[in-house]
Protein backbone atom coordinates (compact mmCIF):
# COMPACT_ATOMS: atom_id res chain seq x y z
CA MET A 1 16.17 0.79 23.71
CA GLY A 2 17.77 -1.38 21.06
CA GLU A 3 17.30 -5.12 21.37
CA ARG A 4 17.41 -5.39 25.15
CA PRO A 5 14.56 -7.53 26.51
CA VAL A 6 12.52 -4.64 27.90
CA PRO A 7 8.84 -5.64 28.20
CA LEU A 8 5.88 -3.41 27.48
CA ASN A 9 4.84 -1.25 30.41
CA GLN A 10 1.19 -0.79 31.48
CA GLN A 11 0.65 2.05 29.00
CA GLY A 12 2.14 -0.03 26.19
CA LEU A 13 -0.06 -3.01 27.05
CA ALA A 14 -3.14 -0.78 27.05
CA GLN A 15 -2.18 0.63 23.63
CA VAL A 16 -1.68 -2.85 22.19
CA GLN A 17 -4.98 -4.09 23.61
CA ARG A 18 -6.80 -1.20 21.91
CA LEU A 19 -5.03 -2.10 18.65
CA ALA A 20 -6.06 -5.73 19.13
CA GLY A 21 -9.68 -4.60 19.44
CA LEU A 22 -9.35 -2.71 16.17
CA LEU A 23 -7.90 -5.74 14.37
CA MET A 24 -10.11 -8.42 15.95
CA ASP A 25 -12.55 -8.79 13.04
CA ARG A 26 -10.03 -8.25 10.23
CA PRO A 27 -9.18 -11.15 7.89
CA ILE A 28 -5.45 -11.18 8.71
CA ARG A 29 -3.66 -14.12 7.06
CA ALA A 30 -0.42 -14.04 9.06
CA ILE A 31 1.45 -12.05 11.68
CA TYR A 32 5.20 -11.49 11.41
CA SER A 33 7.15 -10.00 14.28
CA SER A 34 10.55 -8.73 15.27
CA PRO A 35 12.24 -11.05 17.80
CA VAL A 36 12.72 -8.14 20.25
CA ALA A 37 10.75 -8.77 23.47
CA ARG A 38 8.43 -5.74 23.26
CA ALA A 39 7.51 -6.56 19.65
CA ARG A 40 6.99 -10.27 20.42
CA GLN A 41 4.80 -9.32 23.37
CA THR A 42 2.77 -7.02 21.09
CA ALA A 43 2.43 -9.80 18.50
CA GLU A 44 1.24 -12.27 21.17
CA VAL A 45 -1.56 -9.90 22.23
CA LEU A 46 -2.55 -9.44 18.58
CA THR A 47 -2.46 -13.18 17.96
CA SER A 48 -4.89 -13.71 20.83
CA ALA A 49 -7.33 -11.26 19.26
CA THR A 50 -7.00 -12.52 15.67
CA ASN A 51 -6.36 -16.25 16.20
CA VAL A 52 -3.48 -15.98 13.72
CA PRO A 53 -0.10 -17.46 14.70
CA VAL A 54 3.04 -15.34 14.88
CA THR A 55 6.15 -15.96 12.80
CA ILE A 56 9.32 -14.38 14.17
CA ASP A 57 11.56 -12.86 11.48
CA ARG A 58 14.94 -11.39 12.39
CA GLY A 59 14.67 -9.07 9.38
CA LEU A 60 12.10 -7.04 11.33
CA THR A 61 14.33 -6.49 14.37
CA GLU A 62 15.13 -3.06 15.78
CA ILE A 63 17.87 -1.01 14.12
CA GLY A 64 21.25 -2.15 15.42
CA VAL A 65 22.78 0.60 17.54
CA GLY A 66 25.93 -1.35 18.44
CA ARG A 67 27.83 0.09 21.40
CA TRP A 68 25.01 2.57 22.03
CA GLU A 69 22.77 -0.27 23.21
CA GLY A 70 21.25 0.63 26.58
CA LEU A 71 22.31 4.30 26.48
CA TYR A 72 19.90 7.25 26.50
CA TRP A 73 19.64 9.60 23.48
CA LYS A 74 20.32 12.58 25.73
CA ASP A 75 23.71 11.07 26.64
CA LEU A 76 24.69 11.02 22.94
CA ALA A 77 23.58 14.56 22.04
CA ASP A 78 27.11 15.81 21.35
CA GLN A 79 28.17 12.89 19.18
CA ILE A 80 28.38 13.71 15.47
CA ILE A 81 27.12 10.27 14.47
CA ARG A 82 23.93 10.77 16.51
CA GLN A 83 23.40 14.10 14.77
CA ASP A 84 24.01 12.37 11.43
CA LEU A 85 21.25 9.88 12.21
CA TYR A 86 18.87 12.78 11.65
CA ARG A 87 20.75 14.50 8.83
CA LYS A 88 21.67 11.43 6.78
CA PRO A 89 20.19 8.31 8.41
CA HIS A 90 20.76 6.19 5.30
CA GLU A 91 24.54 6.61 5.75
CA ALA A 92 25.09 7.17 9.49
CA ARG A 93 26.32 4.16 11.44
CA PRO A 94 26.41 4.05 15.24
CA PRO A 95 29.63 2.42 16.50
CA GLY A 96 29.16 -1.30 15.84
CA GLY A 97 25.63 -0.70 14.52
CA GLU A 98 23.93 -0.52 11.15
CA THR A 99 22.73 2.16 8.73
CA LEU A 100 19.10 2.76 7.85
CA ARG A 101 19.91 1.50 4.33
CA GLU A 102 21.04 -1.83 5.82
CA VAL A 103 17.90 -1.95 7.95
CA GLN A 104 15.83 -1.32 4.83
CA ASP A 105 17.53 -4.15 2.93
CA ARG A 106 16.85 -6.76 5.61
CA ALA A 107 13.34 -5.50 6.46
CA VAL A 108 12.19 -5.42 2.83
CA ALA A 109 13.60 -8.94 2.40
CA ALA A 110 11.46 -10.03 5.37
CA VAL A 111 8.34 -8.47 3.83
CA GLU A 112 9.11 -10.10 0.47
CA ARG A 113 9.54 -13.53 2.13
CA ALA A 114 6.19 -13.13 3.89
CA CYS A 115 4.44 -12.02 0.69
CA ALA A 116 5.90 -14.98 -1.21
CA THR A 117 4.51 -17.34 1.45
CA HIS A 118 1.06 -15.69 1.63
CA SER A 119 -0.12 -14.52 -1.77
CA GLU A 120 -3.64 -13.64 -0.61
CA GLY A 121 -5.03 -11.49 2.20
CA PRO A 122 -3.63 -8.92 4.61
CA LEU A 123 -0.42 -9.55 6.53
CA LEU A 124 0.43 -7.86 9.80
CA PHE A 125 4.01 -6.85 10.62
CA VAL A 126 5.02 -5.95 14.18
CA SER A 127 8.28 -4.06 14.23
CA HIS A 128 9.91 -0.78 15.27
CA ALA A 129 9.58 2.82 14.08
CA ASP A 130 12.80 3.07 12.04
CA VAL A 131 12.24 -0.37 10.52
CA LEU A 132 8.70 0.54 9.52
CA ARG A 133 9.88 3.86 8.08
CA ALA A 134 12.50 2.02 6.01
CA ILE A 135 9.83 -0.37 4.68
CA LEU A 136 7.53 2.53 3.82
CA ALA A 137 10.34 4.39 2.08
CA HIS A 138 11.03 1.38 -0.12
CA TYR A 139 7.48 0.59 -1.16
CA LEU A 140 6.32 4.20 -1.49
CA LYS A 141 9.56 5.24 -3.22
CA LEU A 142 10.38 7.86 -0.59
CA ASP A 143 13.82 9.16 0.32
CA LEU A 144 15.54 7.44 3.26
CA ALA A 145 17.24 10.75 4.06
CA THR A 146 13.89 12.38 4.94
CA ILE A 147 11.75 9.42 6.05
CA ARG A 148 12.48 10.13 9.73
CA GLN A 149 10.00 13.01 9.38
CA VAL A 150 7.24 10.40 9.21
CA LEU A 151 5.76 9.88 12.67
CA VAL A 152 5.41 6.24 13.71
CA SER A 153 3.92 5.99 17.20
CA HIS A 154 3.78 3.01 19.54
CA ALA A 155 0.94 0.59 18.74
CA ALA A 156 -0.32 2.69 15.84
CA LEU A 157 -1.48 1.14 12.59
CA THR A 158 0.13 1.94 9.26
CA ALA A 159 -1.18 0.08 6.22
CA ILE A 160 -0.09 -0.19 2.62
CA GLU A 161 -1.75 -2.07 -0.20
CA MET A 162 0.53 -3.57 -2.81
CA HIS A 163 -0.56 -4.15 -6.40
CA GLY A 164 2.41 -5.69 -8.15
CA ARG A 165 4.98 -2.91 -8.41
CA LEU A 166 2.53 -0.21 -7.26
CA THR A 167 1.85 0.52 -3.61
CA ASP A 168 -0.88 2.65 -2.05
CA LEU A 169 -0.67 4.16 1.42
CA VAL A 170 -3.97 3.23 3.09
CA CYS A 171 -3.35 4.78 6.51
CA LEU A 172 -0.38 6.21 8.36
CA ASN A 173 0.17 6.12 12.11
CA TYR A 174 -3.51 5.52 12.96
CA PRO A 175 -3.83 5.40 16.74
CA PRO A 176 -6.42 2.87 17.97
CA ASP A 177 -7.20 5.32 20.79
CA PRO A 178 -9.56 7.99 19.35
CA SER A 179 -8.52 10.48 22.06
CA LEU A 180 -5.13 10.73 20.31
CA LEU A 181 -6.68 12.04 17.07
């Protein structure tokens, strides 16, 4: 979808509301969100449940797909660059877009800014699958070339706990809907 202002559909809203129920009693210190409409809408639902304001950070925005914006993946199946996004996502660049390495640089910078502002308590980041994978790869010291094998579903919770230079994976892709387990 890219950065087009596509809102959450009914299924997406239901998923986010279940996530909000899961997070309602958590001591979240701050919420940071991508400026993309579907992420902002998600963050607004979560802010209602947690009473924590949202800060928009462009570093958390969806991966830039350049001239592919608004196209369907199936329409790009024969393009070598699309195939490279799976083979070597850290290097592949859609026409006019950005690499996963560039996404990682800006997303990690956003996380670092947030952590510098809030030294205590959990922070919540609302972003997009590839952005979250890039963040995980950085903090868990995983390879960007294979991180796309990590499933990141819509409205699922992934949590890491940082202890200085060490990071623990607390949960990965936890769906707030138990029927999905």
